Amino acid sequence: MKYTVIVRHPDTDEPTALLAGKSVPGWAKGLVHADDLACGSDSGSDDGAKDSKPAKPTKAEMLAEIESRNEGRDEEHKIVPASEKNDDLAEALRADDEASDDDN
């Protein structure tokens, strides 16, 4: 994603943040306009965006995203990071994205 956007999760109707610099979960791909997706290396865009690193989400943003995703989930399906360190939070979100992609 180029930008952080909020969309409603189709199963829970809860607002869910799609974070800038992160991949879009499979369930959200139809909810995001193609222009908002991050440019790939094969993109012909000349806007300079491909030369800059995507902004890393803050700890607070990642914790809020985990909390948002966990709403309405059974305990066994909740995201539980190994710790509140940024790397562990990011890894937990990545794993959840991959699990969501596998479900589709």
N, C-alpha and C. Protein backbone atom coordinates (compact mmCIF):
# COMPACT_ATOMS: atom_id res chain seq x y z
N MET A 1 0.84 -1.18 0.00
CA MET A 1 0.00 0.00 0.00
C MET A 1 0.88 1.24 0.00
N LYS A 2 0.46 2.23 -0.77
CA LYS A 2 1.15 3.52 -0.75
C LYS A 2 0.76 4.32 0.48
N TYR A 3 -0.49 4.17 0.90
CA TYR A 3 -1.04 4.97 1.98
C TYR A 3 -1.72 4.05 3.00
N THR A 4 -1.83 4.52 4.21
CA THR A 4 -2.64 3.79 5.18
C THR A 4 -4.09 4.17 4.93
N VAL A 5 -4.94 3.16 4.75
CA VAL A 5 -6.36 3.41 4.53
C VAL A 5 -7.16 2.53 5.50
N ILE A 6 -8.36 2.95 5.76
CA ILE A 6 -9.26 2.20 6.61
C ILE A 6 -10.38 1.66 5.74
N VAL A 7 -10.61 0.36 5.83
CA VAL A 7 -11.71 -0.28 5.10
C VAL A 7 -12.51 -1.10 6.10
N ARG A 8 -13.71 -1.46 5.73
CA ARG A 8 -14.53 -2.31 6.59
C ARG A 8 -14.29 -3.77 6.22
N HIS A 9 -13.98 -4.57 7.23
CA HIS A 9 -13.76 -5.99 7.01
C HIS A 9 -15.08 -6.61 6.57
N PRO A 10 -15.09 -7.39 5.49
CA PRO A 10 -16.36 -7.91 4.97
C PRO A 10 -17.06 -8.90 5.91
N ASP A 11 -16.31 -9.59 6.77
CA ASP A 11 -16.93 -10.56 7.68
C ASP A 11 -17.48 -9.92 8.94
N THR A 12 -16.75 -8.90 9.46
CA THR A 12 -17.13 -8.32 10.74
C THR A 12 -17.70 -6.91 10.63
N ASP A 13 -17.54 -6.28 9.46
CA ASP A 13 -17.95 -4.90 9.22
C ASP A 13 -17.21 -3.91 10.12
N GLU A 14 -16.10 -4.37 10.72
CA GLU A 14 -15.29 -3.50 11.58
C GLU A 14 -14.30 -2.71 10.73
N PRO A 15 -14.06 -1.44 11.09
CA PRO A 15 -13.03 -0.67 10.40
C PRO A 15 -11.67 -1.35 10.62
N THR A 16 -10.93 -1.52 9.55
CA THR A 16 -9.64 -2.19 9.61
C THR A 16 -8.62 -1.35 8.86
N ALA A 17 -7.47 -1.10 9.50
CA ALA A 17 -6.41 -0.31 8.87
C ALA A 17 -5.58 -1.19 7.96
N LEU A 18 -5.36 -0.72 6.75
CA LEU A 18 -4.40 -1.33 5.83
C LEU A 18 -3.21 -0.39 5.84
N LEU A 19 -2.09 -0.86 6.37
CA LEU A 19 -0.96 0.01 6.65
C LEU A 19 -0.10 0.27 5.43
N ALA A 20 0.36 1.52 5.31
CA ALA A 20 1.27 1.91 4.24
C ALA A 20 2.52 1.04 4.31
N GLY A 21 2.97 0.59 3.16
CA GLY A 21 4.18 -0.21 3.10
C GLY A 21 3.96 -1.69 3.35
N LYS A 22 2.74 -2.08 3.65
CA LYS A 22 2.42 -3.49 3.91
C LYS A 22 1.60 -4.05 2.77
N SER A 23 1.60 -5.36 2.65
CA SER A 23 0.80 -5.99 1.60
C SER A 23 -0.68 -5.93 1.99
N VAL A 24 -1.51 -5.98 0.98
CA VAL A 24 -2.95 -5.95 1.19
C VAL A 24 -3.44 -7.39 1.36
N PRO A 25 -4.14 -7.68 2.47
CA PRO A 25 -4.66 -9.04 2.64
C PRO A 25 -5.62 -9.40 1.51
N GLY A 26 -5.71 -10.67 1.21
CA GLY A 26 -6.54 -11.13 0.11
C GLY A 26 -7.97 -10.62 0.18
N TRP A 27 -8.56 -10.62 1.38
CA TRP A 27 -9.96 -10.20 1.51
C TRP A 27 -10.17 -8.73 1.18
N ALA A 28 -9.08 -7.92 1.20
CA ALA A 28 -9.22 -6.48 1.00
C ALA A 28 -8.85 -6.03 -0.42
N LYS A 29 -8.32 -6.92 -1.23
CA LYS A 29 -7.85 -6.50 -2.55
C LYS A 29 -8.93 -5.83 -3.39
N GLY A 30 -10.15 -6.29 -3.31
CA GLY A 30 -11.23 -5.68 -4.08
C GLY A 30 -11.74 -4.37 -3.49
N LEU A 31 -11.29 -4.04 -2.28
CA LEU A 31 -11.75 -2.82 -1.61
C LEU A 31 -10.80 -1.64 -1.81
N VAL A 32 -9.63 -1.91 -2.39
CA VAL A 32 -8.60 -0.88 -2.52
C VAL A 32 -8.43 -0.54 -3.99
N HIS A 33 -8.41 0.74 -4.30
CA HIS A 33 -8.22 1.19 -5.67
C HIS A 33 -6.80 0.86 -6.12
N ALA A 34 -6.64 0.44 -7.34
CA ALA A 34 -5.33 0.03 -7.87
C ALA A 34 -4.28 1.12 -7.72
N ASP A 35 -4.67 2.40 -7.81
CA ASP A 35 -3.71 3.49 -7.66
C ASP A 35 -3.15 3.60 -6.25
N ASP A 36 -3.82 3.00 -5.27
CA ASP A 36 -3.35 3.06 -3.89
C ASP A 36 -2.39 1.94 -3.53
N LEU A 37 -2.27 0.96 -4.43
CA LEU A 37 -1.34 -0.14 -4.17
C LEU A 37 0.09 0.34 -4.38
N ALA A 38 1.01 -0.21 -3.64
CA ALA A 38 2.42 0.17 -3.76
C ALA A 38 2.91 -0.20 -5.15
N CYS A 39 3.76 0.63 -5.70
CA CYS A 39 4.33 0.37 -7.01
C CYS A 39 5.32 -0.77 -6.90
N GLY A 40 5.21 -1.73 -7.79
CA GLY A 40 6.18 -2.82 -7.84
C GLY A 40 7.40 -2.39 -8.62
N SER A 41 8.42 -3.21 -8.63
CA SER A 41 9.65 -2.86 -9.34
C SER A 41 9.44 -2.86 -10.84
N ASP A 42 8.37 -3.52 -11.32
CA ASP A 42 8.10 -3.54 -12.75
C ASP A 42 7.16 -2.42 -13.17
N SER A 43 6.81 -1.54 -12.24
CA SER A 43 5.91 -0.44 -12.56
C SER A 43 6.64 0.62 -13.36
N GLY A 44 5.91 1.28 -14.24
CA GLY A 44 6.51 2.34 -15.05
C GLY A 44 6.37 3.70 -14.42
N SER A 45 6.06 3.78 -13.15
CA SER A 45 5.83 5.05 -12.49
C SER A 45 7.11 5.86 -12.39
N ASP A 46 7.03 7.15 -12.69
CA ASP A 46 8.18 8.04 -12.60
C ASP A 46 8.02 9.04 -11.48
N ASP A 47 7.14 8.78 -10.52
CA ASP A 47 6.86 9.76 -9.48
C ASP A 47 7.88 9.75 -8.35
N GLY A 48 8.91 8.91 -8.44
CA GLY A 48 9.93 8.86 -7.40
C GLY A 48 9.57 8.00 -6.22
N ALA A 49 8.34 7.51 -6.15
CA ALA A 49 7.92 6.73 -5.00
C ALA A 49 8.70 5.44 -4.88
N LYS A 50 9.15 4.86 -6.02
CA LYS A 50 9.86 3.60 -5.96
C LYS A 50 11.27 3.77 -5.40
N ASP A 51 11.78 5.02 -5.37
CA ASP A 51 13.11 5.27 -4.84
C ASP A 51 13.12 5.45 -3.34
N SER A 52 11.97 5.73 -2.75
CA SER A 52 11.92 5.95 -1.31
C SER A 52 11.34 4.72 -0.63
N LYS A 53 11.84 4.46 0.57
CA LYS A 53 11.34 3.33 1.34
C LYS A 53 9.96 3.67 1.88
N PRO A 54 9.06 2.67 1.95
CA PRO A 54 7.76 2.94 2.55
C PRO A 54 7.94 3.26 4.04
N ALA A 55 7.07 4.10 4.53
CA ALA A 55 7.14 4.46 5.95
C ALA A 55 6.83 3.23 6.79
N LYS A 56 7.64 3.01 7.82
CA LYS A 56 7.39 1.89 8.72
C LYS A 56 6.30 2.29 9.70
N PRO A 57 5.37 1.39 9.96
CA PRO A 57 4.34 1.72 10.94
C PRO A 57 4.94 1.80 12.34
N THR A 58 4.36 2.62 13.16
CA THR A 58 4.83 2.75 14.54
C THR A 58 4.32 1.58 15.38
N LYS A 59 4.91 1.43 16.55
CA LYS A 59 4.46 0.38 17.47
C LYS A 59 2.98 0.56 17.77
N ALA A 60 2.56 1.81 18.01
CA ALA A 60 1.16 2.08 18.32
C ALA A 60 0.25 1.68 17.16
N GLU A 61 0.68 1.96 15.92
CA GLU A 61 -0.12 1.59 14.75
C GLU A 61 -0.24 0.08 14.63
N MET A 62 0.88 -0.63 14.86
CA MET A 62 0.83 -2.09 14.75
C MET A 62 -0.02 -2.70 15.86
N LEU A 63 0.09 -2.17 17.08
CA LEU A 63 -0.75 -2.68 18.17
C LEU A 63 -2.23 -2.43 17.88
N ALA A 64 -2.53 -1.26 17.33
CA ALA A 64 -3.92 -0.93 16.98
C ALA A 64 -4.42 -1.85 15.87
N GLU A 65 -3.56 -2.15 14.91
CA GLU A 65 -3.95 -3.05 13.82
C GLU A 65 -4.22 -4.45 14.35
N ILE A 66 -3.36 -4.93 15.25
CA ILE A 66 -3.57 -6.26 15.84
C ILE A 66 -4.87 -6.28 16.63
N GLU A 67 -5.11 -5.25 17.40
CA GLU A 67 -6.35 -5.17 18.18
C GLU A 67 -7.57 -5.17 17.25
N SER A 68 -7.48 -4.41 16.17
CA SER A 68 -8.59 -4.34 15.21
C SER A 68 -8.85 -5.70 14.57
N ARG A 69 -7.77 -6.36 14.16
CA ARG A 69 -7.94 -7.68 13.52
C ARG A 69 -8.47 -8.72 14.50
N ASN A 70 -8.11 -8.59 15.77
CA ASN A 70 -8.52 -9.58 16.77
C ASN A 70 -9.98 -9.43 17.18
N GLU A 71 -10.59 -8.28 16.93
CA GLU A 71 -11.99 -8.08 17.31
C GLU A 71 -12.87 -9.10 16.62
N GLY A 72 -13.66 -9.81 17.39
CA GLY A 72 -14.59 -10.77 16.84
C GLY A 72 -14.00 -12.13 16.53
N ARG A 73 -12.70 -12.30 16.73
CA ARG A 73 -12.07 -13.59 16.47
C ARG A 73 -12.14 -14.47 17.71
N ASP A 74 -12.22 -15.78 17.48
CA ASP A 74 -12.08 -16.75 18.56
C ASP A 74 -10.67 -16.66 19.12
N GLU A 75 -10.50 -17.04 20.38
CA GLU A 75 -9.18 -16.98 21.01
C GLU A 75 -8.12 -17.70 20.20
N GLU A 76 -8.48 -18.84 19.63
CA GLU A 76 -7.49 -19.63 18.90
C GLU A 76 -7.07 -19.00 17.58
N HIS A 77 -7.82 -18.01 17.09
CA HIS A 77 -7.50 -17.35 15.82
C HIS A 77 -6.95 -15.94 16.02
N LYS A 78 -6.79 -15.51 17.26
CA LYS A 78 -6.28 -14.17 17.51
C LYS A 78 -4.79 -14.09 17.23
N ILE A 79 -4.36 -12.90 16.86
CA ILE A 79 -2.94 -12.64 16.64
C ILE A 79 -2.30 -12.43 18.00
N VAL A 80 -1.26 -13.21 18.29
CA VAL A 80 -0.56 -13.11 19.56
C VAL A 80 0.94 -12.98 19.25
N PRO A 81 1.46 -11.75 19.22
CA PRO A 81 2.89 -11.59 18.93
C PRO A 81 3.75 -12.14 20.07
N ALA A 82 4.98 -12.52 19.74
CA ALA A 82 5.91 -13.07 20.74
C ALA A 82 6.23 -12.04 21.82
N SER A 83 6.25 -10.77 21.43
CA SER A 83 6.49 -9.69 22.39
C SER A 83 5.93 -8.41 21.77
N GLU A 84 6.10 -7.29 22.45
CA GLU A 84 5.66 -6.01 21.90
C GLU A 84 6.79 -5.27 21.20
N LYS A 85 7.86 -5.99 20.88
CA LYS A 85 8.94 -5.39 20.08
C LYS A 85 8.44 -5.22 18.65
N ASN A 86 8.90 -4.16 18.00
CA ASN A 86 8.43 -3.85 16.65
C ASN A 86 8.59 -5.03 15.70
N ASP A 87 9.72 -5.72 15.74
CA ASP A 87 9.94 -6.85 14.83
C ASP A 87 8.93 -7.97 15.07
N ASP A 88 8.63 -8.24 16.34
CA ASP A 88 7.66 -9.29 16.65
C ASP A 88 6.24 -8.89 16.24
N LEU A 89 5.90 -7.63 16.42
CA LEU A 89 4.59 -7.15 16.00
C LEU A 89 4.44 -7.24 14.48
N ALA A 90 5.48 -6.80 13.77
CA ALA A 90 5.45 -6.84 12.31
C ALA A 90 5.36 -8.29 11.82
N GLU A 91 6.11 -9.19 12.44
CA GLU A 91 6.08 -10.59 12.04
C GLU A 91 4.70 -11.20 12.28
N ALA A 92 4.07 -10.87 13.39
CA ALA A 92 2.74 -11.39 13.69
C ALA A 92 1.73 -10.91 12.65
N LEU A 93 1.83 -9.65 12.24
CA LEU A 93 0.92 -9.12 11.22
C LEU A 93 1.19 -9.77 9.86
N ARG A 94 2.47 -9.96 9.51
CA ARG A 94 2.81 -10.63 8.26
C ARG A 94 2.25 -12.05 8.22
N ALA A 95 2.43 -12.76 9.33
CA ALA A 95 1.92 -14.13 9.39
C ALA A 95 0.40 -14.15 9.23
N ASP A 96 -0.28 -13.18 9.82
CA ASP A 96 -1.74 -13.12 9.70
C ASP A 96 -2.14 -12.80 8.25
N ASP A 97 -1.37 -11.91 7.60
CA ASP A 97 -1.64 -11.60 6.19
C ASP A 97 -1.50 -12.86 5.35
N GLU A 98 -0.43 -13.61 5.59
CA GLU A 98 -0.21 -14.83 4.81
C GLU A 98 -1.31 -15.85 5.07
N ALA A 99 -1.74 -15.96 6.31
CA ALA A 99 -2.83 -16.89 6.64
C ALA A 99 -4.12 -16.46 5.95
N SER A 100 -4.35 -15.15 5.87
CA SER A 100 -5.55 -14.63 5.18
C SER A 100 -5.48 -14.92 3.70
N ASP A 101 -4.28 -14.77 3.11
CA ASP A 101 -4.10 -15.05 1.69
C ASP A 101 -4.31 -16.53 1.40
N ASP A 102 -3.87 -17.40 2.32
CA ASP A 102 -4.04 -18.84 2.16
C ASP A 102 -5.49 -19.25 2.21
N ASP A 103 -6.31 -18.50 2.97
CA ASP A 103 -7.73 -18.81 3.10
C ASP A 103 -8.51 -18.50 1.83
N ASN A 104 -7.94 -17.67 0.97
CA ASN A 104 -8.66 -17.27 -0.26
C ASN A 104 -8.29 -18.11 -1.42
